[in-house]
Amino acid sequence: MTNAELIKALRYCAEHEGCDYYIAKDCPREDTWVCGADCEQILMIDAAAALKAADKRIAELEAQMQKEGEWIDEQRGRWIYAKCNLCGKVQDVRSNYCPNCGAKMNGERKDGEHDNQRM
């Protein structure tokens, strides 16, 4: 059952109290033979599985997205270094990407103090 079919079936059940096979011939579920008390339970199980699959897919897509970070000033003695706010990698040159985690670095710090140039 597709998500669209599942949504249609859930809405149908919400609108038709006391689902019964003989009065639910227009039920959108393909397996209308389960109509009755078990139908609602099966729909809830199907809905939970669909939500779990959607959450997993969202997490997979988020992992593929380009990370964005910014360089944070870190003073060590009299020298100021650039530190990635995502992974903590410290380096002496600001670049467009963090060499450690691959995050695309913003052109400016949020407070506007420094741009992506060597300090």
PDB file of N, CA and C in Angstrom:
ATOM      1  N   MET A   1       0.850  -1.171   0.000  1.00  0.00           N
ATOM      2  CA  MET A   1       0.000   0.000   0.000  1.00  0.00           C
ATOM      3  C   MET A   1       0.899   1.238   0.000  1.00  0.00           C
ATOM      4  N   THR A   2       0.647   2.154  -0.892  1.00  0.00           N
ATOM      5  CA  THR A   2       1.421   3.390  -0.953  1.00  0.00           C
ATOM      6  C   THR A   2       0.999   4.326   0.174  1.00  0.00           C
ATOM      7  N   ASN A   3       1.810   5.350   0.408  1.00  0.00           N
ATOM      8  CA  ASN A   3       1.457   6.323   1.448  1.00  0.00           C
ATOM      9  C   ASN A   3       0.152   7.033   1.104  1.00  0.00           C
ATOM     10  N   ALA A   4      -0.045   7.355  -0.176  1.00  0.00           N
ATOM     11  CA  ALA A   4      -1.280   8.032  -0.588  1.00  0.00           C
ATOM     12  C   ALA A   4      -2.500   7.146  -0.311  1.00  0.00           C
ATOM     13  N   GLU A   5      -2.388   5.855  -0.601  1.00  0.00           N
ATOM     14  CA  GLU A   5      -3.489   4.919  -0.338  1.00  0.00           C
ATOM     15  C   GLU A   5      -3.729   4.774   1.165  1.00  0.00           C
ATOM     16  N   LEU A   6      -2.642   4.746   1.924  1.00  0.00           N
ATOM     17  CA  LEU A   6      -2.752   4.637   3.376  1.00  0.00           C
ATOM     18  C   LEU A   6      -3.453   5.866   3.951  1.00  0.00           C
ATOM     19  N   ILE A   7      -3.069   7.044   3.488  1.00  0.00           N
ATOM     20  CA  ILE A   7      -3.714   8.275   3.956  1.00  0.00           C
ATOM     21  C   ILE A   7      -5.198   8.266   3.612  1.00  0.00           C
ATOM     22  N   LYS A   8      -5.527   7.848   2.398  1.00  0.00           N
ATOM     23  CA  LYS A   8      -6.927   7.780   1.975  1.00  0.00           C
ATOM     24  C   LYS A   8      -7.711   6.810   2.863  1.00  0.00           C
ATOM     25  N   ALA A   9      -7.128   5.657   3.164  1.00  0.00           N
ATOM     26  CA  ALA A   9      -7.799   4.661   4.005  1.00  0.00           C
ATOM     27  C   ALA A   9      -7.980   5.183   5.433  1.00  0.00           C
ATOM     28  N   LEU A  10      -6.962   5.857   5.969  1.00  0.00           N
ATOM     29  CA  LEU A  10      -7.075   6.417   7.315  1.00  0.00           C
ATOM     30  C   LEU A  10      -8.185   7.461   7.377  1.00  0.00           C
ATOM     31  N   ARG A  11      -8.244   8.311   6.375  1.00  0.00           N
ATOM     32  CA  ARG A  11      -9.307   9.326   6.346  1.00  0.00           C
ATOM     33  C   ARG A  11     -10.685   8.676   6.212  1.00  0.00           C
ATOM     34  N   TYR A  12     -10.768   7.634   5.391  1.00  0.00           N
ATOM     35  CA  TYR A  12     -12.036   6.928   5.216  1.00  0.00           C
ATOM     36  C   TYR A  12     -12.491   6.359   6.554  1.00  0.00           C
ATOM     37  N   CYS A  13     -11.578   5.700   7.271  1.00  0.00           N
ATOM     38  CA  CYS A  13     -11.931   5.091   8.563  1.00  0.00           C
ATOM     39  C   CYS A  13     -12.339   6.148   9.580  1.00  0.00           C
ATOM     40  N   ALA A  14     -11.677   7.310   9.536  1.00  0.00           N
ATOM     41  CA  ALA A  14     -12.022   8.373  10.476  1.00  0.00           C
ATOM     42  C   ALA A  14     -13.428   8.909  10.215  1.00  0.00           C
ATOM     43  N   GLU A  15     -13.857   8.875   8.953  1.00  0.00           N
ATOM     44  CA  GLU A  15     -15.163   9.411   8.582  1.00  0.00           C
ATOM     45  C   GLU A  15     -16.291   8.382   8.691  1.00  0.00           C
ATOM     46  N   HIS A  16     -15.955   7.090   8.704  1.00  0.00           N
ATOM     47  CA  HIS A  16     -16.969   6.026   8.727  1.00  0.00           C
ATOM     48  C   HIS A  16     -16.831   5.208  10.000  1.00  0.00           C
ATOM     49  N   GLU A  17     -17.641   5.557  10.973  1.00  0.00           N
ATOM     50  CA  GLU A  17     -17.605   4.874  12.251  1.00  0.00           C
ATOM     51  C   GLU A  17     -18.182   3.467  12.119  1.00  0.00           C
ATOM     52  N   GLY A  18     -17.556   2.517  12.792  1.00  0.00           N
ATOM     53  CA  GLY A  18     -18.071   1.151  12.785  1.00  0.00           C
ATOM     54  C   GLY A  18     -17.944   0.485  11.435  1.00  0.00           C
ATOM     55  N   CYS A  19     -16.768   0.504  10.898  1.00  0.00           N
ATOM     56  CA  CYS A  19     -16.505  -0.073   9.574  1.00  0.00           C
ATOM     57  C   CYS A  19     -16.926  -1.552   9.536  1.00  0.00           C
ATOM     58  N   ASP A  20     -17.632  -1.929   8.485  1.00  0.00           N
ATOM     59  CA  ASP A  20     -18.103  -3.301   8.299  1.00  0.00           C
ATOM     60  C   ASP A  20     -17.972  -3.620   6.811  1.00  0.00           C
ATOM     61  N   TYR A  21     -17.534  -4.822   6.487  1.00  0.00           N
ATOM     62  CA  TYR A  21     -17.291  -5.191   5.086  1.00  0.00           C
ATOM     63  C   TYR A  21     -18.516  -4.958   4.206  1.00  0.00           C
ATOM     64  N   TYR A  22     -19.678  -5.251   4.717  1.00  0.00           N
ATOM     65  CA  TYR A  22     -20.885  -5.154   3.893  1.00  0.00           C
ATOM     66  C   TYR A  22     -21.314  -3.717   3.636  1.00  0.00           C
ATOM     67  N   ILE A  23     -20.959  -2.816   4.541  1.00  0.00           N
ATOM     68  CA  ILE A  23     -21.324  -1.414   4.310  1.00  0.00           C
ATOM     69  C   ILE A  23     -20.114  -0.589   3.849  1.00  0.00           C
ATOM     70  N   ALA A  24     -18.951  -1.210   3.781  1.00  0.00           N
ATOM     71  CA  ALA A  24     -17.732  -0.484   3.418  1.00  0.00           C
ATOM     72  C   ALA A  24     -17.194  -0.940   2.073  1.00  0.00           C
ATOM     73  N   LYS A  25     -18.056  -1.178   1.121  1.00  0.00           N
ATOM     74  CA  LYS A  25     -17.606  -1.648  -0.180  1.00  0.00           C
ATOM     75  C   LYS A  25     -16.747  -0.613  -0.904  1.00  0.00           C
ATOM     76  N   ASP A  26     -16.860   0.661  -0.511  1.00  0.00           N
ATOM     77  CA  ASP A  26     -16.038   1.697  -1.130  1.00  0.00           C
ATOM     78  C   ASP A  26     -14.776   2.010  -0.315  1.00  0.00           C
ATOM     79  N   CYS A  27     -14.451   1.151   0.652  1.00  0.00           N
ATOM     80  CA  CYS A  27     -13.236   1.321   1.442  1.00  0.00           C
ATOM     81  C   CYS A  27     -12.025   1.292   0.505  1.00  0.00           C
ATOM     82  N   PRO A  28     -11.093   2.239   0.630  1.00  0.00           N
ATOM     83  CA  PRO A  28      -9.955   2.314  -0.283  1.00  0.00           C
ATOM     84  C   PRO A  28      -8.893   1.236  -0.072  1.00  0.00           C
ATOM     85  N   ARG A  29      -9.028   0.453   0.973  1.00  0.00           N
ATOM     86  CA  ARG A  29      -8.046  -0.617   1.194  1.00  0.00           C
ATOM     87  C   ARG A  29      -8.261  -1.725   0.186  1.00  0.00           C
ATOM     88  N   GLU A  30      -7.149  -2.235  -0.311  1.00  0.00           N
ATOM     89  CA  GLU A  30      -7.228  -3.345  -1.268  1.00  0.00           C
ATOM     90  C   GLU A  30      -7.730  -4.611  -0.588  1.00  0.00           C
ATOM     91  N   ASP A  31      -7.380  -4.788   0.657  1.00  0.00           N
ATOM     92  CA  ASP A  31      -7.736  -5.999   1.396  1.00  0.00           C
ATOM     93  C   ASP A  31      -8.938  -5.728   2.307  1.00  0.00           C
ATOM     94  N   THR A  32     -10.062  -5.360   1.703  1.00  0.00           N
ATOM     95  CA  THR A  32     -11.248  -4.999   2.491  1.00  0.00           C
ATOM     96  C   THR A  32     -11.807  -6.163   3.293  1.00  0.00           C
ATOM     97  N   TRP A  33     -11.329  -7.356   3.058  1.00  0.00           N
ATOM     98  CA  TRP A  33     -11.816  -8.500   3.827  1.00  0.00           C
ATOM     99  C   TRP A  33     -11.447  -8.384   5.298  1.00  0.00           C
ATOM    100  N   VAL A  34     -10.502  -7.462   5.636  1.00  0.00           N
ATOM    101  CA  VAL A  34     -10.143  -7.310   7.049  1.00  0.00           C
ATOM    102  C   VAL A  34     -10.943  -6.210   7.726  1.00  0.00           C
ATOM    103  N   CYS A  35     -11.884  -5.609   7.012  1.00  0.00           N
ATOM    104  CA  CYS A  35     -12.662  -4.529   7.615  1.00  0.00           C
ATOM    105  C   CYS A  35     -13.322  -5.005   8.900  1.00  0.00           C
ATOM    106  N   GLY A  36     -13.399  -4.115   9.819  1.00  0.00           N
ATOM    107  CA  GLY A  36     -13.934  -4.409  11.142  1.00  0.00           C
ATOM    108  C   GLY A  36     -12.941  -3.922  12.166  1.00  0.00           C
ATOM    109  N   ALA A  37     -12.965  -4.495  13.344  1.00  0.00           N
ATOM    110  CA  ALA A  37     -12.095  -4.054  14.427  1.00  0.00           C
ATOM    111  C   ALA A  37     -10.625  -4.194  14.062  1.00  0.00           C
ATOM    112  N   ASP A  38     -10.258  -5.264  13.355  1.00  0.00           N
ATOM    113  CA  ASP A  38      -8.860  -5.488  12.998  1.00  0.00           C
ATOM    114  C   ASP A  38      -8.353  -4.481  11.971  1.00  0.00           C
ATOM    115  N   CYS A  39      -9.235  -3.979  11.148  1.00  0.00           N
ATOM    116  CA  CYS A  39      -8.839  -3.045  10.093  1.00  0.00           C
ATOM    117  C   CYS A  39      -8.164  -1.805  10.682  1.00  0.00           C
ATOM    118  N   GLU A  40      -8.764  -1.216  11.706  1.00  0.00           N
ATOM    119  CA  GLU A  40      -8.191  -0.024  12.311  1.00  0.00           C
ATOM    120  C   GLU A  40      -6.820  -0.314  12.905  1.00  0.00           C
ATOM    121  N   GLN A  41      -6.678  -1.465  13.540  1.00  0.00           N
ATOM    122  CA  GLN A  41      -5.396  -1.837  14.123  1.00  0.00           C
ATOM    123  C   GLN A  41      -4.351  -2.038  13.028  1.00  0.00           C
ATOM    124  N   ILE A  42      -4.728  -2.709  11.949  1.00  0.00           N
ATOM    125  CA  ILE A  42      -3.804  -2.928  10.843  1.00  0.00           C
ATOM    126  C   ILE A  42      -3.414  -1.597  10.205  1.00  0.00           C
ATOM    127  N   LEU A  43      -4.363  -0.689  10.058  1.00  0.00           N
ATOM    128  CA  LEU A  43      -4.058   0.635   9.517  1.00  0.00           C
ATOM    129  C   LEU A  43      -3.072   1.387  10.401  1.00  0.00           C
ATOM    130  N   MET A  44      -3.226   1.301  11.712  1.00  0.00           N
ATOM    131  CA  MET A  44      -2.301   1.975  12.624  1.00  0.00           C
ATOM    132  C   MET A  44      -0.906   1.369  12.521  1.00  0.00           C
ATOM    133  N   ILE A  45      -0.816   0.058  12.402  1.00  0.00           N
ATOM    134  CA  ILE A  45       0.481  -0.604  12.242  1.00  0.00           C
ATOM    135  C   ILE A  45       1.123  -0.168  10.928  1.00  0.00           C
ATOM    136  N   ASP A  46       0.335  -0.129   9.844  1.00  0.00           N
ATOM    137  CA  ASP A  46       0.837   0.317   8.541  1.00  0.00           C
ATOM    138  C   ASP A  46       1.293   1.776   8.604  1.00  0.00           C
ATOM    139  N   ALA A  47       0.513   2.614   9.295  1.00  0.00           N
ATOM    140  CA  ALA A  47       0.867   4.036   9.412  1.00  0.00           C
ATOM    141  C   ALA A  47       2.169   4.204  10.194  1.00  0.00           C
ATOM    142  N   ALA A  48       2.325   3.448  11.272  1.00  0.00           N
ATOM    143  CA  ALA A  48       3.559   3.516  12.061  1.00  0.00           C
ATOM    144  C   ALA A  48       4.762   3.086  11.221  1.00  0.00           C
ATOM    145  N   ALA A  49       4.605   2.042  10.432  1.00  0.00           N
ATOM    146  CA  ALA A  49       5.692   1.582   9.561  1.00  0.00           C
ATOM    147  C   ALA A  49       6.028   2.631   8.506  1.00  0.00           C
ATOM    148  N   ALA A  50       5.006   3.291   7.955  1.00  0.00           N
ATOM    149  CA  ALA A  50       5.234   4.326   6.948  1.00  0.00           C
ATOM    150  C   ALA A  50       5.962   5.522   7.560  1.00  0.00           C
ATOM    151  N   LEU A  51       5.585   5.911   8.774  1.00  0.00           N
ATOM    152  CA  LEU A  51       6.263   7.019   9.449  1.00  0.00           C
ATOM    153  C   LEU A  51       7.721   6.681   9.752  1.00  0.00           C
ATOM    154  N   LYS A  52       7.963   5.452  10.181  1.00  0.00           N
ATOM    155  CA  LYS A  52       9.330   5.015  10.472  1.00  0.00           C
ATOM    156  C   LYS A  52      10.173   5.042   9.195  1.00  0.00           C
ATOM    157  N   ALA A  53       9.616   4.564   8.098  1.00  0.00           N
ATOM    158  CA  ALA A  53      10.334   4.574   6.820  1.00  0.00           C
ATOM    159  C   ALA A  53      10.605   6.008   6.355  1.00  0.00           C
ATOM    160  N   ALA A  54       9.647   6.893   6.561  1.00  0.00           N
ATOM    161  CA  ALA A  54       9.821   8.298   6.174  1.00  0.00           C
ATOM    162  C   ALA A  54      10.917   8.950   7.015  1.00  0.00           C
ATOM    163  N   ASP A  55      10.934   8.683   8.317  1.00  0.00           N
ATOM    164  CA  ASP A  55      11.983   9.225   9.185  1.00  0.00           C
ATOM    165  C   ASP A  55      13.359   8.742   8.751  1.00  0.00           C
ATOM    166  N   LYS A  56      13.455   7.469   8.393  1.00  0.00           N
ATOM    167  CA  LYS A  56      14.729   6.906   7.944  1.00  0.00           C
ATOM    168  C   LYS A  56      15.183   7.587   6.652  1.00  0.00           C
ATOM    169  N   ARG A  57      14.255   7.781   5.725  1.00  0.00           N
ATOM    170  CA  ARG A  57      14.591   8.415   4.448  1.00  0.00           C
ATOM    171  C   ARG A  57      15.009   9.868   4.653  1.00  0.00           C
ATOM    172  N   ILE A  58      14.343  10.576   5.539  1.00  0.00           N
ATOM    173  CA  ILE A  58      14.717  11.956   5.848  1.00  0.00           C
ATOM    174  C   ILE A  58      16.131  12.011   6.416  1.00  0.00           C
ATOM    175  N   ALA A  59      16.455  11.099   7.329  1.00  0.00           N
ATOM    176  CA  ALA A  59      17.796  11.056   7.911  1.00  0.00           C
ATOM    177  C   ALA A  59      18.843  10.773   6.836  1.00  0.00           C
ATOM    178  N   GLU A  60      18.530   9.868   5.901  1.00  0.00           N
ATOM    179  CA  GLU A  60      19.462   9.572   4.805  1.00  0.00           C
ATOM    180  C   GLU A  60      19.694  10.808   3.939  1.00  0.00           C
ATOM    181  N   LEU A  61      18.629  11.532   3.620  1.00  0.00           N
ATOM    182  CA  LEU A  61      18.744  12.728   2.790  1.00  0.00           C
ATOM    183  C   LEU A  61      19.492  13.842   3.515  1.00  0.00           C
ATOM    184  N   GLU A  62      19.241  14.000   4.809  1.00  0.00           N
ATOM    185  CA  GLU A  62      19.945  15.018   5.580  1.00  0.00           C
ATOM    186  C   GLU A  62      21.439  14.730   5.638  1.00  0.00           C
ATOM    187  N   ALA A  63      21.804  13.442   5.722  1.00  0.00           N
ATOM    188  CA  ALA A  63      23.216  13.064   5.757  1.00  0.00           C
ATOM    189  C   ALA A  63      23.915  13.401   4.440  1.00  0.00           C
ATOM    190  N   GLN A  64      23.169  13.429   3.344  1.00  0.00           N
ATOM    191  CA  GLN A  64      23.747  13.736   2.037  1.00  0.00           C
ATOM    192  C   GLN A  64      23.866  15.235   1.788  1.00  0.00           C
ATOM    193  N   MET A  65      23.174  16.032   2.579  1.00  0.00           N
ATOM    194  CA  MET A  65      23.197  17.476   2.375  1.00  0.00           C
ATOM    195  C   MET A  65      24.562  18.056   2.740  1.00  0.00           C
ATOM    196  N   GLN A  66      24.957  19.098   2.021  1.00  0.00           N
ATOM    197  CA  GLN A  66      26.203  19.791   2.300  1.00  0.00           C
ATOM    198  C   GLN A  66      26.120  20.454   3.669  1.00  0.00           C
ATOM    199  N   LYS A  67      27.087  20.152   4.520  1.00  0.00           N
ATOM    200  CA  LYS A  67      27.142  20.793   5.826  1.00  0.00           C
ATOM    201  C   LYS A  67      27.665  22.218   5.648  1.00  0.00           C
ATOM    202  N   GLU A  68      27.192  23.130   6.446  1.00  0.00           N
ATOM    203  CA  GLU A  68      27.675  24.505   6.426  1.00  0.00           C
ATOM    204  C   GLU A  68      28.167  24.863   7.814  1.00  0.00           C
ATOM    205  N   GLY A  69      29.335  25.466   7.843  1.00  0.00           N
ATOM    206  CA  GLY A  69      29.914  25.857   9.118  1.00  0.00           C
ATOM    207  C   GLY A  69      30.512  27.240   9.036  1.00  0.00           C
ATOM    208  N   GLU A  70      31.267  27.586  10.064  1.00  0.00           N
ATOM    209  CA  GLU A  70      31.967  28.864  10.056  1.00  0.00           C
ATOM    210  C   GLU A  70      33.241  28.724  10.869  1.00  0.00           C
ATOM    211  N   TRP A  71      34.188  29.546  10.543  1.00  0.00           N
ATOM    212  CA  TRP A  71      35.442  29.565  11.267  1.00  0.00           C
ATOM    213  C   TRP A  71      35.264  30.399  12.527  1.00  0.00           C
ATOM    214  N   ILE A  72      35.797  29.896  13.617  1.00  0.00           N
ATOM    215  CA  ILE A  72      35.765  30.590  14.894  1.00  0.00           C
ATOM    216  C   ILE A  72      37.202  30.914  15.260  1.00  0.00           C
ATOM    217  N   ASP A  73      37.443  32.140  15.720  1.00  0.00           N
ATOM    218  CA  ASP A  73      38.790  32.523  16.139  1.00  0.00           C
ATOM    219  C   ASP A  73      39.174  31.752  17.386  1.00  0.00           C
ATOM    220  N   GLU A  74      40.391  31.229  17.375  1.00  0.00           N
ATOM    221  CA  GLU A  74      40.931  30.576  18.566  1.00  0.00           C
ATOM    222  C   GLU A  74      42.338  31.098  18.772  1.00  0.00           C
ATOM    223  N   GLN A  75      42.545  31.780  19.885  1.00  0.00           N
ATOM    224  CA  GLN A  75      43.852  32.365  20.158  1.00  0.00           C
ATOM    225  C   GLN A  75      44.695  31.370  20.926  1.00  0.00           C
ATOM    226  N   ARG A  76      45.928  31.189  20.429  1.00  0.00           N
ATOM    227  CA  ARG A  76      46.910  30.330  21.090  1.00  0.00           C
ATOM    228  C   ARG A  76      48.180  31.154  21.210  1.00  0.00           C
ATOM    229  N   GLY A  77      48.411  31.616  22.404  1.00  0.00           N
ATOM    230  CA  GLY A  77      49.542  32.528  22.598  1.00  0.00           C
ATOM    231  C   GLY A  77      49.235  33.836  21.896  1.00  0.00           C
ATOM    232  N   ARG A  78      50.181  34.279  21.069  1.00  0.00           N
ATOM    233  CA  ARG A  78      49.927  35.535  20.342  1.00  0.00           C
ATOM    234  C   ARG A  78      49.364  35.303  18.947  1.00  0.00           C
ATOM    235  N   TRP A  79      49.086  34.055  18.599  1.00  0.00           N
ATOM    236  CA  TRP A  79      48.571  33.727  17.272  1.00  0.00           C
ATOM    237  C   TRP A  79      47.082  33.414  17.323  1.00  0.00           C
ATOM    238  N   ILE A  80      46.384  33.803  16.267  1.00  0.00           N
ATOM    239  CA  ILE A  80      44.957  33.496  16.154  1.00  0.00           C
ATOM    240  C   ILE A  80      44.787  32.467  15.039  1.00  0.00           C
ATOM    241  N   TYR A  81      44.123  31.384  15.357  1.00  0.00           N
ATOM    242  CA  TYR A  81      43.873  30.313  14.392  1.00  0.00           C
ATOM    243  C   TYR A  81      42.387  30.238  14.075  1.00  0.00           C
ATOM    244  N   ALA A  82      42.079  29.511  13.011  1.00  0.00           N
ATOM    245  CA  ALA A  82      40.689  29.302  12.618  1.00  0.00           C
ATOM    246  C   ALA A  82      40.270  27.906  13.058  1.00  0.00           C
ATOM    247  N   LYS A  83      39.134  27.835  13.740  1.00  0.00           N
ATOM    248  CA  LYS A  83      38.615  26.557  14.236  1.00  0.00           C
ATOM    249  C   LYS A  83      37.237  26.325  13.623  1.00  0.00           C
ATOM    250  N   CYS A  84      37.014  25.132  13.052  1.00  0.00           N
ATOM    251  CA  CYS A  84      35.713  24.773  12.487  1.00  0.00           C
ATOM    252  C   CYS A  84      34.714  24.596  13.626  1.00  0.00           C
ATOM    253  N   ASN A  85      33.576  25.277  13.519  1.00  0.00           N
ATOM    254  CA  ASN A  85      32.582  25.172  14.593  1.00  0.00           C
ATOM    255  C   ASN A  85      31.863  23.825  14.596  1.00  0.00           C
ATOM    256  N   LEU A  86      32.006  23.025  13.523  1.00  0.00           N
ATOM    257  CA  LEU A  86      31.329  21.726  13.458  1.00  0.00           C
ATOM    258  C   LEU A  86      32.185  20.580  13.995  1.00  0.00           C
ATOM    259  N   CYS A  87      33.450  20.521  13.568  1.00  0.00           N
ATOM    260  CA  CYS A  87      34.282  19.374  13.967  1.00  0.00           C
ATOM    261  C   CYS A  87      35.409  19.741  14.919  1.00  0.00           C
ATOM    262  N   GLY A  88      35.690  21.045  15.071  1.00  0.00           N
ATOM    263  CA  GLY A  88      36.723  21.477  16.000  1.00  0.00           C
ATOM    264  C   GLY A  88      38.129  21.493  15.429  1.00  0.00           C
ATOM    265  N   LYS A  89      38.298  21.166  14.151  1.00  0.00           N
ATOM    266  CA  LYS A  89      39.613  21.177  13.517  1.00  0.00           C
ATOM    267  C   LYS A  89      40.169  22.598  13.520  1.00  0.00           C
ATOM    268  N   VAL A  90      41.428  22.747  13.958  1.00  0.00           N
ATOM    269  CA  VAL A  90      42.076  24.048  14.011  1.00  0.00           C
ATOM    270  C   VAL A  90      43.135  24.099  12.923  1.00  0.00           C
ATOM    271  N   GLN A  91      43.166  25.224  12.209  1.00  0.00           N
ATOM    272  CA  GLN A  91      44.188  25.413  11.178  1.00  0.00           C
ATOM    273  C   GLN A  91      44.571  26.885  11.136  1.00  0.00           C
ATOM    274  N   ASP A  92      45.689  27.169  10.455  1.00  0.00           N
ATOM    275  CA  ASP A  92      46.147  28.560  10.434  1.00  0.00           C
ATOM    276  C   ASP A  92      45.639  29.340   9.233  1.00  0.00           C
ATOM    277  N   VAL A  93      44.977  28.698   8.299  1.00  0.00           N
ATOM    278  CA  VAL A  93      44.455  29.364   7.115  1.00  0.00           C
ATOM    279  C   VAL A  93      42.956  29.113   7.016  1.00  0.00           C
ATOM    280  N   ARG A  94      42.211  30.161   6.759  1.00  0.00           N
ATOM    281  CA  ARG A  94      40.768  30.016   6.526  1.00  0.00           C
ATOM    282  C   ARG A  94      40.587  29.643   5.065  1.00  0.00           C
ATOM    283  N   SER A  95      39.801  28.649   4.812  1.00  0.00           N
ATOM    284  CA  SER A  95      39.526  28.234   3.442  1.00  0.00           C
ATOM    285  C   SER A  95      38.013  28.146   3.261  1.00  0.00           C
ATOM    286  N   ASN A  96      37.570  27.879   2.039  1.00  0.00           N
ATOM    287  CA  ASN A  96      36.136  27.795   1.766  1.00  0.00           C
ATOM    288  C   ASN A  96      35.507  26.515   2.313  1.00  0.00           C
ATOM    289  N   TYR A  97      36.335  25.484   2.559  1.00  0.00           N
ATOM    290  CA  TYR A  97      35.860  24.205   3.076  1.00  0.00           C
ATOM    291  C   TYR A  97      36.765  23.749   4.203  1.00  0.00           C
ATOM    292  N   CYS A  98      36.193  23.110   5.193  1.00  0.00           N
ATOM    293  CA  CYS A  98      36.994  22.537   6.279  1.00  0.00           C
ATOM    294  C   CYS A  98      37.700  21.302   5.740  1.00  0.00           C
ATOM    295  N   PRO A  99      39.033  21.217   5.884  1.00  0.00           N
ATOM    296  CA  PRO A  99      39.748  20.054   5.373  1.00  0.00           C
ATOM    297  C   PRO A  99      39.463  18.775   6.163  1.00  0.00           C
ATOM    298  N   ASN A 100      38.887  18.905   7.344  1.00  0.00           N
ATOM    299  CA  ASN A 100      38.618  17.739   8.178  1.00  0.00           C
ATOM    300  C   ASN A 100      37.238  17.138   7.919  1.00  0.00           C
ATOM    301  N   CYS A 101      36.190  17.964   7.963  1.00  0.00           N
ATOM    302  CA  CYS A 101      34.824  17.429   7.832  1.00  0.00           C
ATOM    303  C   CYS A 101      34.170  17.777   6.500  1.00  0.00           C
ATOM    304  N   GLY A 102      34.783  18.637   5.698  1.00  0.00           N
ATOM    305  CA  GLY A 102      34.256  18.968   4.382  1.00  0.00           C
ATOM    306  C   GLY A 102      33.137  19.997   4.378  1.00  0.00           C
ATOM    307  N   ALA A 103      32.862  20.602   5.522  1.00  0.00           N
ATOM    308  CA  ALA A 103      31.784  21.595   5.586  1.00  0.00           C
ATOM    309  C   ALA A 103      32.140  22.819   4.754  1.00  0.00           C
ATOM    310  N   LYS A 104      31.140  23.350   4.061  1.00  0.00           N
ATOM    311  CA  LYS A 104      31.328  24.603   3.335  1.00  0.00           C
ATOM    312  C   LYS A 104      31.267  25.715   4.366  1.00  0.00           C
ATOM    313  N   MET A 105      32.295  26.522   4.376  1.00  0.00           N
ATOM    314  CA  MET A 105      32.371  27.567   5.396  1.00  0.00           C
ATOM    315  C   MET A 105      31.746  28.849   4.892  1.00  0.00           C
ATOM    316  N   ASN A 106      31.015  29.520   5.759  1.00  0.00           N
ATOM    317  CA  ASN A 106      30.402  30.798   5.414  1.00  0.00           C
ATOM    318  C   ASN A 106      31.487  31.811   5.111  1.00  0.00           C
ATOM    319  N   GLY A 107      31.164  32.753   4.238  1.00  0.00           N
ATOM    320  CA  GLY A 107      32.124  33.774   3.858  1.00  0.00           C
ATOM    321  C   GLY A 107      32.474  34.711   4.996  1.00  0.00           C
ATOM    322  N   GLU A 108      31.548  34.937   5.890  1.00  0.00           N
ATOM    323  CA  GLU A 108      31.787  35.818   7.027  1.00  0.00           C
ATOM    324  C   GLU A 108      31.298  35.157   8.296  1.00  0.00           C
ATOM    325  N   ARG A 109      31.915  35.560   9.371  1.00  0.00           N
ATOM    326  CA  ARG A 109      31.381  35.137  10.659  1.00  0.00           C
ATOM    327  C   ARG A 109      30.064  35.842  10.878  1.00  0.00           C
ATOM    328  N   LYS A 110      29.234  35.285  11.683  1.00  0.00           N
ATOM    329  CA  LYS A 110      27.921  35.884  11.916  1.00  0.00           C
ATOM    330  C   LYS A 110      28.025  37.267  12.545  1.00  0.00           C
ATOM    331  N   ASP A 111      29.081  37.499  13.333  1.00  0.00           N
ATOM    332  CA  ASP A 111      29.228  38.815  13.938  1.00  0.00           C
ATOM    333  C   ASP A 111      29.892  39.804  12.985  1.00  0.00           C
ATOM    334  N   GLY A 112      30.305  39.347  11.786  1.00  0.00           N
ATOM    335  CA  GLY A 112      30.857  40.199  10.753  1.00  0.00           C
ATOM    336  C   GLY A 112      32.281  40.659  10.992  1.00  0.00           C
ATOM    337  N   GLU A 113      32.993  40.069  11.952  1.00  0.00           N
ATOM    338  CA  GLU A 113      34.343  40.521  12.261  1.00  0.00           C
ATOM    339  C   GLU A 113      35.374  40.146  11.214  1.00  0.00           C
ATOM    340  N   HIS A 114      35.315  38.923  10.700  1.00  0.00           N
ATOM    341  CA  HIS A 114      36.360  38.451   9.808  1.00  0.00           C
ATOM    342  C   HIS A 114      35.762  37.798   8.570  1.00  0.00           C
ATOM    343  N   ASP A 115      36.495  37.845   7.456  1.00  0.00           N
ATOM    344  CA  ASP A 115      36.089  37.102   6.286  1.00  0.00           C
ATOM    345  C   ASP A 115      36.991  35.882   6.139  1.00  0.00           C
ATOM    346  N   ASN A 116      36.823  35.097   5.108  1.00  0.00           N
ATOM    347  CA  ASN A 116      37.617  33.875   4.905  1.00  0.00           C
ATOM    348  C   ASN A 116      38.984  34.216   4.332  1.00  0.00           C
ATOM    349  N   GLN A 117      39.816  34.848   5.097  1.00  0.00           N
ATOM    350  CA  GLN A 117      41.163  35.173   4.669  1.00  0.00           C
ATOM    351  C   GLN A 117      42.137  34.726   5.747  1.00  0.00           C
ATOM    352  N   ARG A 118      43.390  34.609   5.328  1.00  0.00           N
ATOM    353  CA  ARG A 118      44.429  34.231   6.279  1.00  0.00           C
ATOM    354  C   ARG A 118      44.528  35.314   7.357  1.00  0.00           C
ATOM    355  N   MET A 119      44.665  34.875   8.569  1.00  0.00           N
ATOM    356  CA  MET A 119      44.710  35.821   9.683  1.00  0.00           C
ATOM    357  C   MET A 119      46.112  36.312   9.897  1.00  0.00           C
TER     358      MET A 119
END
